[in-house]
Amino acid sequence: MHVDELLAVPEMSAITENQWQSAPLIIPKDWAQGRTAFGGISAGMAYQAISTQVHDDRVLRSYTTNFVGPLLLNEPFTILVTCLRTGKNVSQYTGQIIQNGQTCVFVQACFGMARTSKIRVDNVETHEMPWPQKAKFIPQIPKVTPKFFQHFDLAIDDGGMPFTGKSGSHYHGFMRFKKAPQSISDAHLITMIDAWPPTLLQMLRWPAPASTVSWNLEFIHPHHEVSGTDWFAYKVHTRQAADGYGHTEATIWNSHNDVVALSRQTVAVFD
C-alpha cells in the first residue's frame, strides 16, 4: 500500500468537546517491522489524525512518540485524539493508537504560532555530503530485512550494514520514499525519519531484535517546500549505550540544505 493511502486524512468523530476518534484503520503486512507495524508509519498516522483538529496557522514544533506495545498488522485499530489545551500561541494534543482495547502507541504533539521576536539564532549546521544518484543500502533479505524497507530508498554515505561487527555507531546518508508521494507533509517526514535502522545494530555480528522505546522530534521552521522525489540528508550518532539501551541524536536536512528536524531516540537492543 502506498504511503499516501495510509497517511490520508482519517475520518474523525467527536466523542466530547475535546476528544475525537477515527474510524477503524489497518496497516498492511508490507509495512511490517518484525511482529509489529513500522513505527514511522504508525507515528505518521497518529499525527495525521491530530492534525485534523488544528484549524489555524500553528505549525508542528515537537512530536514525542512512545511505542507502548506491538501494533498488529492487518487488524483494525482506532486513533483517539485529545486536545489538552489551546492557548493564544501554543496547542498541545495527545494521540493514542488503540487496538483490541490496548494502547499500542502514544504520542504528544505541540503546535505553535509564529510570532514577532527580536531574538534570532540561525541554524548553520551543514552536512557536506554529496547528494546521491540512487539508493545504496540494504537489499531485501528474507527474515532479516524488515518488510517496510521496500518503501524507502536509503543511500549510506558513512556507517556499516547491520550485523557486520563494525566498531562505529553512526549513520550518515540520505533517504526518500521509493514511490514518491504527491507532496511532503509533516506526516511524511515523521514516517521517513524513522526508516533508518538503529545505529547499534552494525556493531553486532549476528541478527538480534531491536525496538524504539521513545522518540522525540523537533521541527525547525521556516524551511523551503520540497518535491516528493527529493532526497533528505540524515546524520545520526549514538550518544551513549549500555545495559541493552542506546541513546541517539540525529539531524535532518532537506534538498535546500535547510535543517528541518532534530531527532532523539531511546532504543532497546535484545542481544
C-alpha atoms as a PDB file:
ATOM      1  CA  MET A   1       0.000   0.000   0.000  1.00  0.00           C
ATOM      2  CA  HIS A   2       1.372   3.422  -0.971  1.00  0.00           C
ATOM      3  CA  VAL A   3       2.280   5.766   1.871  1.00  0.00           C
ATOM      4  CA  ASP A   4      -0.217   8.390   0.671  1.00  0.00           C
ATOM      5  CA  GLU A   5      -3.057   5.897   1.186  1.00  0.00           C
ATOM      6  CA  LEU A   6      -2.015   5.240   4.773  1.00  0.00           C
ATOM      7  CA  LEU A   7      -1.455   8.931   5.501  1.00  0.00           C
ATOM      8  CA  ALA A   8      -4.770  10.047   4.036  1.00  0.00           C
ATOM      9  CA  VAL A   9      -6.695  12.292   6.470  1.00  0.00           C
ATOM     10  CA  PRO A  10      -8.783   9.874   8.548  1.00  0.00           C
ATOM     11  CA  GLU A  11     -12.488  10.217   9.215  1.00  0.00           C
ATOM     12  CA  MET A  12     -12.861  11.535  12.772  1.00  0.00           C
ATOM     13  CA  SER A  13     -15.902  11.582  15.070  1.00  0.00           C
ATOM     14  CA  ALA A  14     -16.319  13.810  18.125  1.00  0.00           C
ATOM     15  CA  ILE A  15     -16.600  11.967  21.444  1.00  0.00           C
ATOM     16  CA  THR A  16     -16.510  15.004  23.727  1.00  0.00           C
ATOM     17  CA  GLU A  17     -15.766  18.696  23.285  1.00  0.00           C
ATOM     18  CA  ASN A  18     -12.021  17.977  23.251  1.00  0.00           C
ATOM     19  CA  GLN A  19     -11.789  14.337  22.113  1.00  0.00           C
ATOM     20  CA  TRP A  20     -12.166  12.728  18.702  1.00  0.00           C
ATOM     21  CA  GLN A  21     -11.820   9.158  17.453  1.00  0.00           C
ATOM     22  CA  SER A  22     -11.004   7.845  13.997  1.00  0.00           C
ATOM     23  CA  ALA A  23     -12.906   5.254  12.050  1.00  0.00           C
ATOM     24  CA  PRO A  24     -11.217   1.806  12.125  1.00  0.00           C
ATOM     25  CA  LEU A  25      -7.885   1.733  10.268  1.00  0.00           C
ATOM     26  CA  ILE A  26      -5.415  -1.007   9.339  1.00  0.00           C
ATOM     27  CA  ILE A  27      -1.745  -1.218   8.380  1.00  0.00           C
ATOM     28  CA  PRO A  28      -0.952  -3.993   5.845  1.00  0.00           C
ATOM     29  CA  LYS A  29       1.859  -6.530   6.228  1.00  0.00           C
ATOM     30  CA  ASP A  30       4.136  -4.829   3.688  1.00  0.00           C
ATOM     31  CA  TRP A  31       4.714  -2.174   6.389  1.00  0.00           C
ATOM     32  CA  ALA A  32       5.851  -4.745   8.977  1.00  0.00           C
ATOM     33  CA  GLN A  33       8.813  -4.305  11.297  1.00  0.00           C
ATOM     34  CA  GLY A  34       9.161  -7.714  12.885  1.00  0.00           C
ATOM     35  CA  ARG A  35       5.945  -8.632  14.675  1.00  0.00           C
ATOM     36  CA  THR A  36       4.627  -5.060  14.753  1.00  0.00           C
ATOM     37  CA  ALA A  37       3.878  -2.239  12.343  1.00  0.00           C
ATOM     38  CA  PHE A  38       6.780   0.001  11.316  1.00  0.00           C
ATOM     39  CA  GLY A  39       6.960   2.721  13.948  1.00  0.00           C
ATOM     40  CA  GLY A  40       7.312   5.545  11.459  1.00  0.00           C
ATOM     41  CA  ILE A  41       4.019   4.792   9.741  1.00  0.00           C
ATOM     42  CA  SER A  42       2.083   4.423  12.991  1.00  0.00           C
ATOM     43  CA  ALA A  43       3.525   7.716  14.281  1.00  0.00           C
ATOM     44  CA  GLY A  44       2.719   9.382  10.949  1.00  0.00           C
ATOM     45  CA  MET A  45      -0.875   8.166  11.010  1.00  0.00           C
ATOM     46  CA  ALA A  46      -1.318   9.365  14.600  1.00  0.00           C
ATOM     47  CA  TYR A  47      -0.014  12.789  13.593  1.00  0.00           C
ATOM     48  CA  GLN A  48      -2.408  12.942  10.658  1.00  0.00           C
ATOM     49  CA  ALA A  49      -5.338  12.248  12.984  1.00  0.00           C
ATOM     50  CA  ILE A  50      -4.193  15.006  15.371  1.00  0.00           C
ATOM     51  CA  SER A  51      -3.735  17.477  12.510  1.00  0.00           C
ATOM     52  CA  THR A  52      -7.447  17.270  11.669  1.00  0.00           C
ATOM     53  CA  GLN A  53      -8.147  19.310  14.799  1.00  0.00           C
ATOM     54  CA  VAL A  54      -5.587  22.081  14.160  1.00  0.00           C
ATOM     55  CA  HIS A  55      -7.501  24.780  12.309  1.00  0.00           C
ATOM     56  CA  ASP A  56      -5.183  27.810  12.194  1.00  0.00           C
ATOM     57  CA  ASP A  57      -1.608  28.663  11.174  1.00  0.00           C
ATOM     58  CA  ARG A  58       0.068  26.820  14.060  1.00  0.00           C
ATOM     59  CA  VAL A  59       2.816  24.525  12.837  1.00  0.00           C
ATOM     60  CA  LEU A  60       4.241  21.384  14.405  1.00  0.00           C
ATOM     61  CA  ARG A  61       7.076  22.259  16.810  1.00  0.00           C
ATOM     62  CA  SER A  62       7.664  18.992  18.636  1.00  0.00           C
ATOM     63  CA  TYR A  63       6.371  15.443  18.415  1.00  0.00           C
ATOM     64  CA  THR A  64       7.035  12.768  21.024  1.00  0.00           C
ATOM     65  CA  THR A  65       6.175   9.110  20.432  1.00  0.00           C
ATOM     66  CA  ASN A  66       6.169   6.208  22.866  1.00  0.00           C
ATOM     67  CA  PHE A  67       5.836   2.741  21.395  1.00  0.00           C
ATOM     68  CA  VAL A  68       3.916   1.056  24.200  1.00  0.00           C
ATOM     69  CA  GLY A  69       3.238  -2.367  22.666  1.00  0.00           C
ATOM     70  CA  PRO A  70       3.018  -4.241  19.361  1.00  0.00           C
ATOM     71  CA  LEU A  71       0.603  -2.838  16.764  1.00  0.00           C
ATOM     72  CA  LEU A  72      -0.616  -5.857  14.812  1.00  0.00           C
ATOM     73  CA  LEU A  73      -0.737  -5.854  11.016  1.00  0.00           C
ATOM     74  CA  ASN A  74      -3.972  -6.309   9.065  1.00  0.00           C
ATOM     75  CA  GLU A  75      -6.006  -5.870  12.252  1.00  0.00           C
ATOM     76  CA  PRO A  76      -8.232  -2.829  12.889  1.00  0.00           C
ATOM     77  CA  PHE A  77      -7.299  -0.065  15.301  1.00  0.00           C
ATOM     78  CA  THR A  78      -8.554   3.417  16.099  1.00  0.00           C
ATOM     79  CA  ILE A  79      -6.784   6.674  16.921  1.00  0.00           C
ATOM     80  CA  LEU A  80      -8.041   8.694  19.891  1.00  0.00           C
ATOM     81  CA  VAL A  81      -7.109  12.396  19.775  1.00  0.00           C
ATOM     82  CA  THR A  82      -7.327  14.637  22.845  1.00  0.00           C
ATOM     83  CA  CYS A  83      -6.800  18.401  22.930  1.00  0.00           C
ATOM     84  CA  LEU A  84      -5.057  19.084  26.255  1.00  0.00           C
ATOM     85  CA  ARG A  85      -5.040  22.851  25.836  1.00  0.00           C
ATOM     86  CA  THR A  86      -5.194  25.507  23.143  1.00  0.00           C
ATOM     87  CA  GLY A  87      -3.661  28.800  24.248  1.00  0.00           C
ATOM     88  CA  LYS A  88      -3.074  32.046  22.415  1.00  0.00           C
ATOM     89  CA  ASN A  89       0.115  30.761  20.785  1.00  0.00           C
ATOM     90  CA  VAL A  90       0.586  27.061  21.575  1.00  0.00           C
ATOM     91  CA  SER A  91      -1.659  23.991  21.368  1.00  0.00           C
ATOM     92  CA  GLN A  92      -0.965  20.611  22.987  1.00  0.00           C
ATOM     93  CA  TYR A  93      -2.541  17.361  21.803  1.00  0.00           C
ATOM     94  CA  THR A  94      -2.166  13.668  22.513  1.00  0.00           C
ATOM     95  CA  GLY A  95      -2.928  10.742  20.243  1.00  0.00           C
ATOM     96  CA  GLN A  96      -3.431   7.097  21.192  1.00  0.00           C
ATOM     97  CA  ILE A  97      -3.475   4.186  18.775  1.00  0.00           C
ATOM     98  CA  ILE A  98      -5.782   1.648  20.384  1.00  0.00           C
ATOM     99  CA  GLN A  99      -6.090  -1.960  19.206  1.00  0.00           C
ATOM    100  CA  ASN A 100      -8.041  -4.728  20.954  1.00  0.00           C
ATOM    101  CA  GLY A 101      -8.643  -2.410  23.891  1.00  0.00           C
ATOM    102  CA  GLN A 102      -4.906  -1.767  24.432  1.00  0.00           C
ATOM    103  CA  THR A 103      -2.860   1.377  23.789  1.00  0.00           C
ATOM    104  CA  CYS A 104      -0.102   0.441  21.320  1.00  0.00           C
ATOM    105  CA  VAL A 105       1.311   3.887  20.500  1.00  0.00           C
ATOM    106  CA  PHE A 106       1.037   7.124  22.494  1.00  0.00           C
ATOM    107  CA  VAL A 107       2.093  10.496  21.057  1.00  0.00           C
ATOM    108  CA  GLN A 108       2.132  14.108  22.178  1.00  0.00           C
ATOM    109  CA  ALA A 109       2.204  16.945  19.651  1.00  0.00           C
ATOM    110  CA  CYS A 110       2.940  20.632  20.235  1.00  0.00           C
ATOM    111  CA  PHE A 111       1.839  23.215  17.653  1.00  0.00           C
ATOM    112  CA  GLY A 112       2.980  26.828  17.863  1.00  0.00           C
ATOM    113  CA  MET A 113       2.042  30.066  16.138  1.00  0.00           C
ATOM    114  CA  ALA A 114       4.825  32.120  14.527  1.00  0.00           C
ATOM    115  CA  ARG A 115       5.333  35.365  16.467  1.00  0.00           C
ATOM    116  CA  THR A 116       7.357  38.552  16.026  1.00  0.00           C
ATOM    117  CA  SER A 117      10.536  38.314  18.095  1.00  0.00           C
ATOM    118  CA  LYS A 118      13.776  40.279  18.430  1.00  0.00           C
ATOM    119  CA  ILE A 119      15.676  37.029  19.024  1.00  0.00           C
ATOM    120  CA  ARG A 120      17.042  35.149  16.040  1.00  0.00           C
ATOM    121  CA  VAL A 121      19.687  32.417  16.038  1.00  0.00           C
ATOM    122  CA  ASP A 122      20.123  30.768  12.637  1.00  0.00           C
ATOM    123  CA  ASN A 123      20.952  27.081  12.380  1.00  0.00           C
ATOM    124  CA  VAL A 124      24.090  26.985  10.242  1.00  0.00           C
ATOM    125  CA  GLU A 125      24.945  23.298  10.631  1.00  0.00           C
ATOM    126  CA  THR A 126      25.700  21.670   7.260  1.00  0.00           C
ATOM    127  CA  HIS A 127      26.321  18.089   6.196  1.00  0.00           C
ATOM    128  CA  GLU A 128      28.678  18.493   3.179  1.00  0.00           C
ATOM    129  CA  MET A 129      27.804  15.025   1.827  1.00  0.00           C
ATOM    130  CA  PRO A 130      27.494  14.573  -1.965  1.00  0.00           C
ATOM    131  CA  TRP A 131      23.871  14.092  -2.985  1.00  0.00           C
ATOM    132  CA  PRO A 132      23.243  10.524  -4.212  1.00  0.00           C
ATOM    133  CA  GLN A 133      22.036   9.405  -7.619  1.00  0.00           C
ATOM    134  CA  LYS A 134      20.455   6.153  -6.421  1.00  0.00           C
ATOM    135  CA  ALA A 135      19.854   4.064  -3.315  1.00  0.00           C
ATOM    136  CA  LYS A 136      22.786   2.060  -1.945  1.00  0.00           C
ATOM    137  CA  PHE A 137      21.956   0.363   1.282  1.00  0.00           C
ATOM    138  CA  ILE A 138      20.376  -2.906   2.388  1.00  0.00           C
ATOM    139  CA  PRO A 139      18.857  -5.397  -0.082  1.00  0.00           C
ATOM    140  CA  GLN A 140      15.702  -7.281   0.810  1.00  0.00           C
ATOM    141  CA  ILE A 141      16.827 -10.371   2.761  1.00  0.00           C
ATOM    142  CA  PRO A 142      14.027 -12.740   3.892  1.00  0.00           C
ATOM    143  CA  LYS A 143      13.680 -12.982   7.695  1.00  0.00           C
ATOM    144  CA  VAL A 144      16.440 -10.374   8.176  1.00  0.00           C
ATOM    145  CA  THR A 145      15.379  -7.164   6.418  1.00  0.00           C
ATOM    146  CA  PRO A 146      12.135  -5.579   7.717  1.00  0.00           C
ATOM    147  CA  LYS A 147       9.375  -5.615   5.103  1.00  0.00           C
ATOM    148  CA  PHE A 148       8.810  -1.861   5.367  1.00  0.00           C
ATOM    149  CA  PHE A 149      12.266  -1.231   3.844  1.00  0.00           C
ATOM    150  CA  GLN A 150      10.734  -1.850   0.421  1.00  0.00           C
ATOM    151  CA  HIS A 151       9.026   1.558   0.653  1.00  0.00           C
ATOM    152  CA  PHE A 152      12.224   3.603   1.086  1.00  0.00           C
ATOM    153  CA  ASP A 153      15.411   4.473  -0.751  1.00  0.00           C
ATOM    154  CA  LEU A 154      18.319   4.756   1.686  1.00  0.00           C
ATOM    155  CA  ALA A 155      21.767   5.829   0.486  1.00  0.00           C
ATOM    156  CA  ILE A 156      24.503   5.291   3.061  1.00  0.00           C
ATOM    157  CA  ASP A 157      27.483   7.684   2.952  1.00  0.00           C
ATOM    158  CA  ASP A 158      29.210   6.568   6.144  1.00  0.00           C
ATOM    159  CA  GLY A 159      28.386   3.760   8.558  1.00  0.00           C
ATOM    160  CA  GLY A 160      28.058  -0.016   8.370  1.00  0.00           C
ATOM    161  CA  MET A 161      25.414  -2.546   7.443  1.00  0.00           C
ATOM    162  CA  PRO A 162      23.571  -4.078  10.409  1.00  0.00           C
ATOM    163  CA  PHE A 163      25.108  -7.189  11.970  1.00  0.00           C
ATOM    164  CA  THR A 164      28.558  -6.748  10.407  1.00  0.00           C
ATOM    165  CA  GLY A 165      30.571  -6.203  13.607  1.00  0.00           C
ATOM    166  CA  LYS A 166      31.597  -2.616  12.924  1.00  0.00           C
ATOM    167  CA  SER A 167      33.271  -0.525  15.610  1.00  0.00           C
ATOM    168  CA  GLY A 168      31.347   2.646  14.714  1.00  0.00           C
ATOM    169  CA  SER A 169      27.816   3.529  15.803  1.00  0.00           C
ATOM    170  CA  HIS A 170      26.676   6.289  13.447  1.00  0.00           C
ATOM    171  CA  TYR A 171      24.989   6.689  10.065  1.00  0.00           C
ATOM    172  CA  HIS A 172      25.445   9.477   7.548  1.00  0.00           C
ATOM    173  CA  GLY A 173      23.367   9.294   4.397  1.00  0.00           C
ATOM    174  CA  PHE A 174      20.173  10.125   2.553  1.00  0.00           C
ATOM    175  CA  MET A 175      16.564   8.948   2.434  1.00  0.00           C
ATOM    176  CA  ARG A 176      13.438   9.304   0.361  1.00  0.00           C
ATOM    177  CA  PHE A 177      10.310   7.310  -0.493  1.00  0.00           C
ATOM    178  CA  LYS A 178      10.820   4.702  -3.189  1.00  0.00           C
ATOM    179  CA  LYS A 179       7.424   5.585  -4.694  1.00  0.00           C
ATOM    180  CA  ALA A 180       7.239   9.347  -4.382  1.00  0.00           C
ATOM    181  CA  PRO A 181       4.266  10.879  -2.539  1.00  0.00           C
ATOM    182  CA  GLN A 182       2.359  13.697  -4.194  1.00  0.00           C
ATOM    183  CA  SER A 183       3.920  16.112  -1.693  1.00  0.00           C
ATOM    184  CA  ILE A 184       5.945  16.003   1.508  1.00  0.00           C
ATOM    185  CA  SER A 185       3.926  16.821   4.620  1.00  0.00           C
ATOM    186  CA  ASP A 186       4.947  16.642   8.274  1.00  0.00           C
ATOM    187  CA  ALA A 187       3.288  13.219   8.382  1.00  0.00           C
ATOM    188  CA  HIS A 188       5.579  12.042   5.567  1.00  0.00           C
ATOM    189  CA  LEU A 189       8.630  13.435   7.354  1.00  0.00           C
ATOM    190  CA  ILE A 190       7.703  11.658  10.591  1.00  0.00           C
ATOM    191  CA  THR A 191       7.275   8.408   8.682  1.00  0.00           C
ATOM    192  CA  MET A 192      10.517   8.702   6.713  1.00  0.00           C
ATOM    193  CA  ILE A 193      12.838   9.807   9.524  1.00  0.00           C
ATOM    194  CA  ASP A 194      12.237   6.515  11.327  1.00  0.00           C
ATOM    195  CA  ALA A 195      13.283   4.424   8.300  1.00  0.00           C
ATOM    196  CA  TRP A 196      16.957   4.039   9.262  1.00  0.00           C
ATOM    197  CA  PRO A 197      17.955   1.007  11.341  1.00  0.00           C
ATOM    198  CA  PRO A 198      19.207   1.597  14.896  1.00  0.00           C
ATOM    199  CA  THR A 199      22.845   2.710  14.901  1.00  0.00           C
ATOM    200  CA  LEU A 200      23.831  -0.055  17.337  1.00  0.00           C
ATOM    201  CA  LEU A 201      22.900  -2.963  15.064  1.00  0.00           C
ATOM    202  CA  GLN A 202      26.000  -2.502  12.891  1.00  0.00           C
ATOM    203  CA  MET A 203      28.125  -3.321  15.957  1.00  0.00           C
ATOM    204  CA  LEU A 204      26.630  -6.831  16.266  1.00  0.00           C
ATOM    205  CA  ARG A 205      27.975  -9.846  14.390  1.00  0.00           C
ATOM    206  CA  TRP A 206      24.648 -11.679  14.182  1.00  0.00           C
ATOM    207  CA  PRO A 207      20.951 -10.668  13.858  1.00  0.00           C
ATOM    208  CA  ALA A 208      19.215  -9.540  17.034  1.00  0.00           C
ATOM    209  CA  PRO A 209      15.937  -7.700  17.559  1.00  0.00           C
ATOM    210  CA  ALA A 210      15.813  -4.028  18.478  1.00  0.00           C
ATOM    211  CA  SER A 211      12.976  -1.584  19.001  1.00  0.00           C
ATOM    212  CA  THR A 212      12.480   2.105  19.674  1.00  0.00           C
ATOM    213  CA  VAL A 213      11.124   2.787  23.157  1.00  0.00           C
ATOM    214  CA  SER A 214      10.655   6.544  22.873  1.00  0.00           C
ATOM    215  CA  TRP A 215      11.236   9.042  20.088  1.00  0.00           C
ATOM    216  CA  ASN A 216      11.258  12.832  20.133  1.00  0.00           C
ATOM    217  CA  LEU A 217      11.201  15.002  17.015  1.00  0.00           C
ATOM    218  CA  GLU A 218      11.652  18.755  16.955  1.00  0.00           C
ATOM    219  CA  PHE A 219      10.658  20.534  13.737  1.00  0.00           C
ATOM    220  CA  ILE A 220      12.598  23.588  12.561  1.00  0.00           C
ATOM    221  CA  HIS A 221      10.714  26.415  10.813  1.00  0.00           C
ATOM    222  CA  PRO A 222      10.734  28.073   8.400  1.00  0.00           C
ATOM    223  CA  HIS A 223      12.080  25.929   5.568  1.00  0.00           C
ATOM    224  CA  HIS A 224      11.593  25.546   1.820  1.00  0.00           C
ATOM    225  CA  GLU A 225       8.987  23.312   0.229  1.00  0.00           C
ATOM    226  CA  VAL A 226      10.374  20.226  -1.488  1.00  0.00           C
ATOM    227  CA  SER A 227       9.282  17.664  -4.058  1.00  0.00           C
ATOM    228  CA  GLY A 228       8.178  14.140  -3.185  1.00  0.00           C
ATOM    229  CA  THR A 229      11.149  12.850  -5.206  1.00  0.00           C
ATOM    230  CA  ASP A 230      13.778  14.844  -3.282  1.00  0.00           C
ATOM    231  CA  TRP A 231      16.390  13.281  -1.030  1.00  0.00           C
ATOM    232  CA  PHE A 232      16.703  14.239   2.645  1.00  0.00           C
ATOM    233  CA  ALA A 233      20.121  14.145   4.301  1.00  0.00           C
ATOM    234  CA  TYR A 234      20.468  12.351   7.632  1.00  0.00           C
ATOM    235  CA  LYS A 235      23.214  12.212  10.243  1.00  0.00           C
ATOM    236  CA  VAL A 236      22.732  10.206  13.433  1.00  0.00           C
ATOM    237  CA  HIS A 237      25.199   9.495  16.244  1.00  0.00           C
ATOM    238  CA  THR A 238      24.995   7.343  19.333  1.00  0.00           C
ATOM    239  CA  ARG A 239      25.432   9.467  22.453  1.00  0.00           C
ATOM    240  CA  GLN A 240      25.590   6.537  24.868  1.00  0.00           C
ATOM    241  CA  ALA A 241      24.725   2.819  25.035  1.00  0.00           C
ATOM    242  CA  ALA A 242      24.735   0.389  27.977  1.00  0.00           C
ATOM    243  CA  ASP A 243      22.558  -2.215  29.688  1.00  0.00           C
ATOM    244  CA  GLY A 244      20.703  -3.013  26.460  1.00  0.00           C
ATOM    245  CA  TYR A 245      19.650   0.586  25.701  1.00  0.00           C
ATOM    246  CA  GLY A 246      21.097   3.176  23.342  1.00  0.00           C
ATOM    247  CA  HIS A 247      20.505   6.914  23.016  1.00  0.00           C
ATOM    248  CA  THR A 248      20.884   8.570  19.617  1.00  0.00           C
ATOM    249  CA  GLU A 249      20.625  12.081  18.177  1.00  0.00           C
ATOM    250  CA  ALA A 250      20.063  12.939  14.501  1.00  0.00           C
ATOM    251  CA  THR A 251      19.839  15.994  12.248  1.00  0.00           C
ATOM    252  CA  ILE A 252      17.778  16.019   9.045  1.00  0.00           C
ATOM    253  CA  TRP A 253      18.214  18.401   6.092  1.00  0.00           C
ATOM    254  CA  ASN A 254      16.029  18.893   3.017  1.00  0.00           C
ATOM    255  CA  SER A 255      17.325  19.314  -0.552  1.00  0.00           C
ATOM    256  CA  HIS A 256      17.797  23.070   0.052  1.00  0.00           C
ATOM    257  CA  ASN A 257      20.136  22.244   2.963  1.00  0.00           C
ATOM    258  CA  ASP A 258      17.614  23.582   5.464  1.00  0.00           C
ATOM    259  CA  VAL A 259      17.673  21.759   8.790  1.00  0.00           C
ATOM    260  CA  VAL A 260      14.078  20.566   9.021  1.00  0.00           C
ATOM    261  CA  ALA A 261      14.126  18.339  12.100  1.00  0.00           C
ATOM    262  CA  LEU A 262      16.120  17.100  15.077  1.00  0.00           C
ATOM    263  CA  SER A 263      15.508  13.530  16.220  1.00  0.00           C
ATOM    264  CA  ARG A 264      16.301  11.802  19.516  1.00  0.00           C
ATOM    265  CA  GLN A 265      15.592   8.140  20.245  1.00  0.00           C
ATOM    266  CA  THR A 266      15.927   5.629  23.034  1.00  0.00           C
ATOM    267  CA  VAL A 267      16.438   2.178  21.513  1.00  0.00           C
ATOM    268  CA  ALA A 268      16.314  -1.214  23.247  1.00  0.00           C
ATOM    269  CA  VAL A 269      18.555  -3.961  21.800  1.00  0.00           C
ATOM    270  CA  PHE A 270      17.941  -7.604  22.705  1.00  0.00           C
ATOM    271  CA  ASP A 271      21.323  -9.196  22.064  1.00  0.00           C
END
